């Protein structure tokens, strides 16, 4: 399929580069480092080879979220966003941007979000899970009351918020002791992010701000396949739910969340997600440079989907959600795989 839009695609600046060093063996680090620091050359060539018209770019993880000094977190976020704005300006028809935000301080996060959206033209924000602040062990999840003004402003700006994974801190990893292979993309990323998303829903956030749009990667971090059980555990017991949300968790998941295919290239999983949340709320992504563009694109081009759904997931859903000024295309025009 030609004309795809991908939106979980990362880069790094020198200040955040080493945050990604542990995710591949040492012998692969030179390759990953080169991929992270490049935007205009290797990345663009990969896009051209595999039918990706546009990438929405975001900073690597955990980056800003792992900087306990609030002032430093704000500085690095602004530096990364300014650099990204410069890169997007070189080829705005090929690249757009998500803001990195210093969520350690909601007021600073609002200020940087406003700057990026209203002045730099960014399409939303991507935040790498919980933030650390002050003492190393002080963790901030965004269902906490102090973040309500941030969510209110995000809703007013009408841009999506991509909740991206990070690993739990070492002191919170006892369940993984002796099994380091479970960390990162294998399992811990998804579990950490799924719990964070459920915290947002259960807090009543979407009752207060029903127009919020949250994006989850990796086909929903396992949540689509747990929705029924989350809402119906011990169904014979007639008791009110213990969360603050006014409706079933599934209702908010289907109305306020979007999912991407980043790093999860399996047709059975995609079909399950479509059955749960609908093809209108799923978007193609790669997770470059941690996953290969060809792996994502070759799979998606040949996945057992209707051409109408392939068009939605590959292009038109993203164009609509992020208000991208891109020409509409018919499914027939896009059905051919990139050469």
Protein backbone atom coordinates (compact mmCIF):
# COMPACT_ATOMS: atom_id res chain seq x y z
CA UNK A 1 0.00 0.00 0.00
CA UNK A 2 1.27 3.45 -0.96
CA UNK A 3 0.61 6.61 1.04
CA UNK A 4 0.76 5.19 4.55
CA UNK A 5 1.05 7.45 7.59
CA UNK A 6 3.07 6.20 10.58
CA UNK A 7 2.95 7.85 13.99
CA UNK A 8 5.03 6.04 16.58
CA UNK A 9 8.38 6.82 15.02
CA UNK A 10 11.21 7.99 17.26
CA UNK A 11 14.33 10.10 17.13
CA UNK A 12 16.88 11.19 19.73
CA UNK A 13 18.97 14.23 20.51
CA UNK A 14 22.42 13.84 22.09
CA UNK A 15 20.97 14.56 25.55
CA UNK A 16 18.56 11.60 25.37
CA UNK A 17 20.41 9.19 23.08
CA UNK A 18 21.79 6.89 25.77
CA UNK A 19 18.32 6.24 27.16
CA UNK A 20 17.93 3.79 24.27
CA UNK A 21 21.29 2.05 24.62
CA UNK A 22 20.05 -0.84 26.74
CA UNK A 23 17.36 -2.03 24.37
CA UNK A 24 19.69 -3.88 21.98
CA UNK A 25 22.90 -5.88 22.47
CA UNK A 26 26.08 -3.82 22.43
CA UNK A 27 27.00 -5.06 18.97
CA UNK A 28 23.78 -3.53 17.57
CA UNK A 29 24.14 -0.19 19.32
CA UNK A 30 26.02 1.58 16.48
CA UNK A 31 23.17 0.71 14.12
CA UNK A 32 20.43 1.82 16.52
CA UNK A 33 22.33 4.99 17.39
CA UNK A 34 22.61 5.90 13.72
CA UNK A 35 18.91 5.26 13.18
CA UNK A 36 17.90 7.42 16.16
CA UNK A 37 20.02 10.41 15.21
CA UNK A 38 19.02 10.37 11.53
CA UNK A 39 15.85 11.98 10.22
CA UNK A 40 16.42 13.24 6.69
CA UNK A 41 18.46 10.45 5.09
CA UNK A 42 18.16 6.75 6.04
CA UNK A 43 14.69 7.26 7.54
CA UNK A 44 13.38 9.02 4.45
CA UNK A 45 14.84 6.36 2.19
CA UNK A 46 13.08 3.63 4.21
CA UNK A 47 9.82 5.53 3.92
CA UNK A 48 10.18 5.89 0.15
CA UNK A 49 10.99 2.20 -0.32
CA UNK A 50 7.95 1.04 1.64
CA UNK A 51 5.15 3.39 0.73
CA UNK A 52 5.13 5.61 3.83
CA UNK A 53 4.19 9.13 2.85
CA UNK A 54 4.48 10.69 6.30
CA UNK A 55 5.86 9.99 9.78
CA UNK A 56 4.82 11.86 12.91
CA UNK A 57 8.02 11.95 14.97
CA UNK A 58 8.54 11.75 18.74
CA UNK A 59 11.42 11.73 21.19
CA UNK A 60 12.84 8.41 22.39
CA UNK A 61 12.05 6.98 25.84
CA UNK A 62 12.05 7.55 28.73
CA UNK A 63 13.95 10.80 28.09
CA UNK A 64 12.15 13.76 29.67
CA UNK A 65 10.02 11.58 31.94
CA UNK A 66 13.14 10.15 33.64
CA UNK A 67 14.66 13.52 34.59
CA UNK A 68 13.80 14.19 38.27
CA UNK A 69 14.95 17.81 38.12
CA UNK A 70 11.89 19.66 36.86
CA UNK A 71 13.84 22.57 35.42
CA UNK A 72 16.16 20.23 33.54
CA UNK A 73 13.20 18.22 32.24
CA UNK A 74 11.65 21.41 30.89
CA UNK A 75 14.94 22.44 29.28
CA UNK A 76 15.43 19.10 27.52
CA UNK A 77 11.81 19.01 26.34
CA UNK A 78 12.13 22.48 24.83
CA UNK A 79 15.46 21.63 23.24
CA UNK A 80 14.09 18.44 21.69
CA UNK A 81 10.95 20.19 20.47
CA UNK A 82 12.88 23.06 18.91
CA UNK A 83 15.18 20.62 17.11
CA UNK A 84 12.21 18.59 15.88
CA UNK A 85 10.44 21.71 14.62
CA UNK A 86 13.54 22.55 12.57
CA UNK A 87 13.59 19.06 11.07
CA UNK A 88 9.89 19.08 10.22
CA UNK A 89 10.24 22.48 8.56
CA UNK A 90 12.66 20.96 6.04
CA UNK A 91 10.04 18.49 4.75
CA UNK A 92 6.60 19.20 6.24
CA UNK A 93 4.91 16.99 3.66
CA UNK A 94 6.91 14.00 4.96
CA UNK A 95 7.32 14.73 8.67
CA UNK A 96 5.14 16.10 11.45
CA UNK A 97 5.76 16.21 15.21
CA UNK A 98 4.59 15.21 18.67
CA UNK A 99 5.68 17.36 21.60
CA UNK A 100 7.82 16.05 24.45
CA UNK A 101 6.44 17.43 27.72
CA UNK A 102 7.86 18.03 31.22
CA UNK A 103 4.97 16.31 32.99
CA UNK A 104 6.83 16.64 36.30
CA UNK A 105 5.08 20.03 36.57
CA UNK A 106 1.58 20.31 35.06
CA UNK A 107 1.91 24.07 34.54
CA UNK A 108 5.17 23.68 32.64
CA UNK A 109 3.63 20.86 30.62
CA UNK A 110 0.68 23.07 29.69
CA UNK A 111 3.01 25.89 28.69
CA UNK A 112 5.14 23.66 26.47
CA UNK A 113 2.09 21.96 24.96
CA UNK A 114 0.60 25.33 24.06
CA UNK A 115 3.87 26.51 22.54
CA UNK A 116 4.30 23.38 20.45
CA UNK A 117 0.72 23.24 19.19
CA UNK A 118 -0.05 26.93 18.67
CA UNK A 119 3.38 28.23 17.63
CA UNK A 120 5.28 25.24 16.20
CA UNK A 121 2.33 23.43 14.61
CA UNK A 122 2.80 20.11 16.41
CA UNK A 123 0.02 17.54 16.08
CA UNK A 124 -0.22 16.53 19.73
CA UNK A 125 2.03 15.13 22.43
CA UNK A 126 3.76 11.84 23.11
CA UNK A 127 4.67 11.19 26.75
CA UNK A 128 6.75 8.23 27.93
CA UNK A 129 4.66 6.95 30.82
CA UNK A 130 4.99 8.13 34.40
CA UNK A 131 7.34 10.97 35.33
CA UNK A 132 9.94 11.09 38.08
CA UNK A 133 10.33 14.20 40.16
CA UNK A 134 12.34 15.35 43.16
CA UNK A 135 13.51 12.23 44.92
CA UNK A 136 14.17 9.37 42.49
CA UNK A 137 11.31 7.34 43.94
CA UNK A 138 8.63 10.00 43.51
CA UNK A 139 6.49 8.82 40.58
CA UNK A 140 3.70 10.79 38.96
CA UNK A 141 0.85 9.16 37.07
CA UNK A 142 -1.48 11.44 35.20
CA UNK A 143 -4.73 10.44 36.85
CA UNK A 144 -3.60 12.45 39.90
CA UNK A 145 -5.73 15.52 40.67
CA UNK A 146 -3.00 18.04 39.87
CA UNK A 147 -3.16 17.02 36.21
CA UNK A 148 -6.79 18.00 35.63
CA UNK A 149 -5.85 21.49 34.34
CA UNK A 150 -3.45 19.86 31.89
CA UNK A 151 -6.17 17.55 30.55
CA UNK A 152 -8.61 20.45 30.33
CA UNK A 153 -6.17 22.42 28.19
CA UNK A 154 -5.40 19.40 26.01
CA UNK A 155 -9.12 18.97 25.38
CA UNK A 156 -9.44 22.66 24.46
CA UNK A 157 -6.54 22.42 22.03
CA UNK A 158 -8.20 19.32 20.50
CA UNK A 159 -5.00 17.36 19.90
CA UNK A 160 -4.29 13.72 20.80
CA UNK A 161 -2.08 12.48 23.64
CA UNK A 162 0.04 9.40 22.89
CA UNK A 163 0.73 7.43 26.07
CA UNK A 164 3.97 5.63 25.26
CA UNK A 165 5.64 2.92 27.40
CA UNK A 166 8.58 2.96 29.72
CA UNK A 167 9.87 0.27 32.06
CA UNK A 168 8.96 0.32 35.75
CA UNK A 169 11.78 1.47 38.01
CA UNK A 170 14.10 -1.23 39.40
CA UNK A 171 12.53 -1.09 42.87
CA UNK A 172 9.15 -1.89 41.30
CA UNK A 173 10.40 -4.85 39.25
CA UNK A 174 10.50 -7.65 41.79
CA UNK A 175 8.04 -9.73 39.79
CA UNK A 176 10.65 -9.78 36.99
CA UNK A 177 13.57 -10.83 39.22
CA UNK A 178 15.59 -13.50 37.44
CA UNK A 179 13.66 -12.95 34.22
CA UNK A 180 15.12 -9.84 32.59
CA UNK A 181 13.85 -10.99 29.20
CA UNK A 182 10.35 -9.93 30.32
CA UNK A 183 11.36 -6.27 30.56
CA UNK A 184 10.82 -3.76 27.78
CA UNK A 185 8.74 -4.60 24.70
CA UNK A 186 8.36 -8.28 25.58
CA UNK A 187 6.00 -7.64 28.50
CA UNK A 188 6.79 -4.88 31.02
CA UNK A 189 6.19 -2.03 28.59
CA UNK A 190 2.67 -3.20 27.85
CA UNK A 191 1.72 -3.95 31.44
CA UNK A 192 2.99 -0.60 32.73
CA UNK A 193 1.16 1.34 30.04
CA UNK A 194 -2.07 -0.65 30.30
CA UNK A 195 -2.30 0.02 34.05
CA UNK A 196 -1.64 3.72 33.47
CA UNK A 197 -4.41 3.86 30.86
CA UNK A 198 -6.84 2.09 33.20
CA UNK A 199 -5.96 4.54 35.96
CA UNK A 200 -6.90 7.40 33.65
CA UNK A 201 -10.23 5.80 32.82
CA UNK A 202 -11.08 4.75 36.37
CA UNK A 203 -10.32 8.21 37.76
CA UNK A 204 -13.33 9.69 36.00
CA UNK A 205 -11.11 11.76 33.71
CA UNK A 206 -13.23 11.15 30.62
CA UNK A 207 -16.46 12.03 32.41
CA UNK A 208 -14.97 15.46 33.10
CA UNK A 209 -13.30 15.75 29.68
CA UNK A 210 -15.23 13.57 27.23
CA UNK A 211 -13.49 14.89 24.10
CA UNK A 212 -9.99 13.74 25.10
CA UNK A 213 -8.22 11.52 22.57
CA UNK A 214 -5.63 9.05 23.88
CA UNK A 215 -3.43 6.93 21.60
CA UNK A 216 -1.90 3.62 22.69
CA UNK A 217 0.68 1.75 20.66
CA UNK A 218 1.43 -1.93 20.12
CA UNK A 219 -2.19 -2.79 19.30
CA UNK A 220 -3.45 -1.43 22.60
CA UNK A 221 -0.92 -2.86 25.10
CA UNK A 222 -3.11 -5.95 25.57
CA UNK A 223 -6.20 -4.01 26.69
CA UNK A 224 -8.62 -4.86 23.85
CA UNK A 225 -8.58 -8.50 24.86
CA UNK A 226 -9.34 -7.79 28.53
CA UNK A 227 -12.21 -5.33 28.27
CA UNK A 228 -15.00 -7.79 29.01
CA UNK A 229 -13.26 -9.22 32.06
CA UNK A 230 -12.40 -5.76 33.41
CA UNK A 231 -16.08 -4.80 33.38
CA UNK A 232 -17.64 -8.14 34.34
CA UNK A 233 -15.48 -9.78 37.01
CA UNK A 234 -17.63 -11.60 39.57
CA UNK A 235 -20.66 -10.72 37.48
CA UNK A 236 -23.04 -12.44 39.89
CA UNK A 237 -22.09 -10.03 42.68
CA UNK A 238 -24.37 -6.99 42.64
CA UNK A 239 -22.07 -4.27 43.91
CA UNK A 240 -21.07 -0.89 42.47
CA UNK A 241 -17.63 -0.64 40.87
CA UNK A 242 -14.79 0.66 43.02
CA UNK A 243 -13.55 3.09 40.40
CA UNK A 244 -14.87 6.64 39.94
CA UNK A 245 -15.86 6.36 36.29
CA UNK A 246 -19.59 6.70 35.69
CA UNK A 247 -19.85 4.07 32.95
CA UNK A 248 -18.23 0.81 31.98
CA UNK A 249 -14.52 0.94 31.28
CA UNK A 250 -15.13 -0.41 27.78
CA UNK A 251 -17.30 2.60 26.93
CA UNK A 252 -14.42 5.00 27.45
CA UNK A 253 -11.96 2.69 25.72
CA UNK A 254 -14.17 2.66 22.62
CA UNK A 255 -14.90 6.39 22.66
CA UNK A 256 -11.67 8.06 23.82
CA UNK A 257 -8.87 5.73 22.70
CA UNK A 258 -7.08 4.99 19.45
CA UNK A 259 -4.63 2.13 18.86
CA UNK A 260 -1.63 1.77 16.58
CA UNK A 261 0.03 -1.28 15.06
CA UNK A 262 3.49 -0.20 16.23
CA UNK A 263 5.76 -3.14 16.96
CA UNK A 264 2.91 -5.68 16.78
CA UNK A 265 2.71 -7.04 13.26
CA UNK A 266 0.24 -9.91 13.56
CA UNK A 267 -3.00 -10.16 11.60
CA UNK A 268 -4.91 -12.16 14.22
CA UNK A 269 -4.17 -9.48 16.80
CA UNK A 270 -5.23 -6.73 14.41
CA UNK A 271 -8.52 -8.47 13.66
CA UNK A 272 -9.21 -8.88 17.39
CA UNK A 273 -8.56 -5.16 17.88
CA UNK A 274 -10.89 -4.29 15.00
CA UNK A 275 -13.63 -6.45 16.53
CA UNK A 276 -13.22 -4.72 19.89
CA UNK A 277 -12.68 -1.07 19.04
CA UNK A 278 -13.44 -0.79 15.31
CA UNK A 279 -11.31 -0.11 12.24
CA UNK A 280 -11.97 3.64 12.54
CA UNK A 281 -9.81 3.78 15.70
CA UNK A 282 -6.74 1.85 14.57
CA UNK A 283 -3.75 3.45 12.85
CA UNK A 284 -0.69 2.05 11.13
CA UNK A 285 2.70 2.57 12.79
CA UNK A 286 6.14 0.99 12.74
CA UNK A 287 8.05 1.89 15.95
CA UNK A 288 11.13 2.87 13.95
CA UNK A 289 14.03 2.67 14.70
CA UNK A 290 13.38 -0.13 17.19
CA UNK A 291 11.45 -2.11 14.60
CA UNK A 292 12.07 -2.30 10.85
CA UNK A 293 9.98 -0.37 8.35
CA UNK A 294 9.98 -3.31 5.94
CA UNK A 295 8.69 -5.71 8.60
CA UNK A 296 5.76 -3.43 9.39
CA UNK A 297 4.98 -2.45 5.83
CA UNK A 298 5.29 -5.88 4.22
CA UNK A 299 2.98 -7.34 6.87
CA UNK A 300 0.40 -4.57 6.61
CA UNK A 301 0.37 -4.57 2.81
CA UNK A 302 -0.55 -8.26 2.75
CA UNK A 303 -2.68 -8.57 5.92
CA UNK A 304 -6.10 -10.14 5.40
CA UNK A 305 -8.17 -6.96 5.51
CA UNK A 306 -10.74 -5.35 3.29
CA UNK A 307 -9.17 -2.65 1.15
CA UNK A 308 -11.49 -0.13 2.80
CA UNK A 309 -10.12 -1.02 6.25
CA UNK A 310 -6.57 -1.01 4.92
CA UNK A 311 -7.11 2.53 3.64
CA UNK A 312 -8.56 3.65 6.99
CA UNK A 313 -5.85 2.08 9.14
CA UNK A 314 -3.00 2.90 6.80
CA UNK A 315 -3.88 6.49 6.06
CA UNK A 316 -7.27 8.14 6.44
CA UNK A 317 -7.77 7.62 10.19
CA UNK A 318 -4.48 9.37 10.93
CA UNK A 319 -5.20 12.16 8.44
CA UNK A 320 -8.50 12.84 10.20
CA UNK A 321 -7.32 12.45 13.81
CA UNK A 322 -4.28 14.70 13.38
CA UNK A 323 -5.93 17.15 10.94
CA UNK A 324 -3.32 16.52 8.27
CA UNK A 325 -3.68 18.41 5.02
CA UNK A 326 -3.29 15.40 2.74
CA UNK A 327 -5.18 14.51 -0.43
CA UNK A 328 -7.82 11.82 -0.06
CA UNK A 329 -7.20 8.64 -1.99
CA UNK A 330 -9.43 5.79 -3.01
CA UNK A 331 -8.79 2.31 -1.70
CA UNK A 332 -7.95 1.08 -5.18
CA UNK A 333 -5.19 3.62 -5.54
CA UNK A 334 -3.55 2.47 -2.32
CA UNK A 335 -3.88 -1.29 -2.63
CA UNK A 336 -0.61 -1.80 -4.46
CA UNK A 337 2.37 -2.61 -2.25
CA UNK A 338 5.34 -0.27 -2.41
CA UNK A 339 8.11 -1.50 -4.69
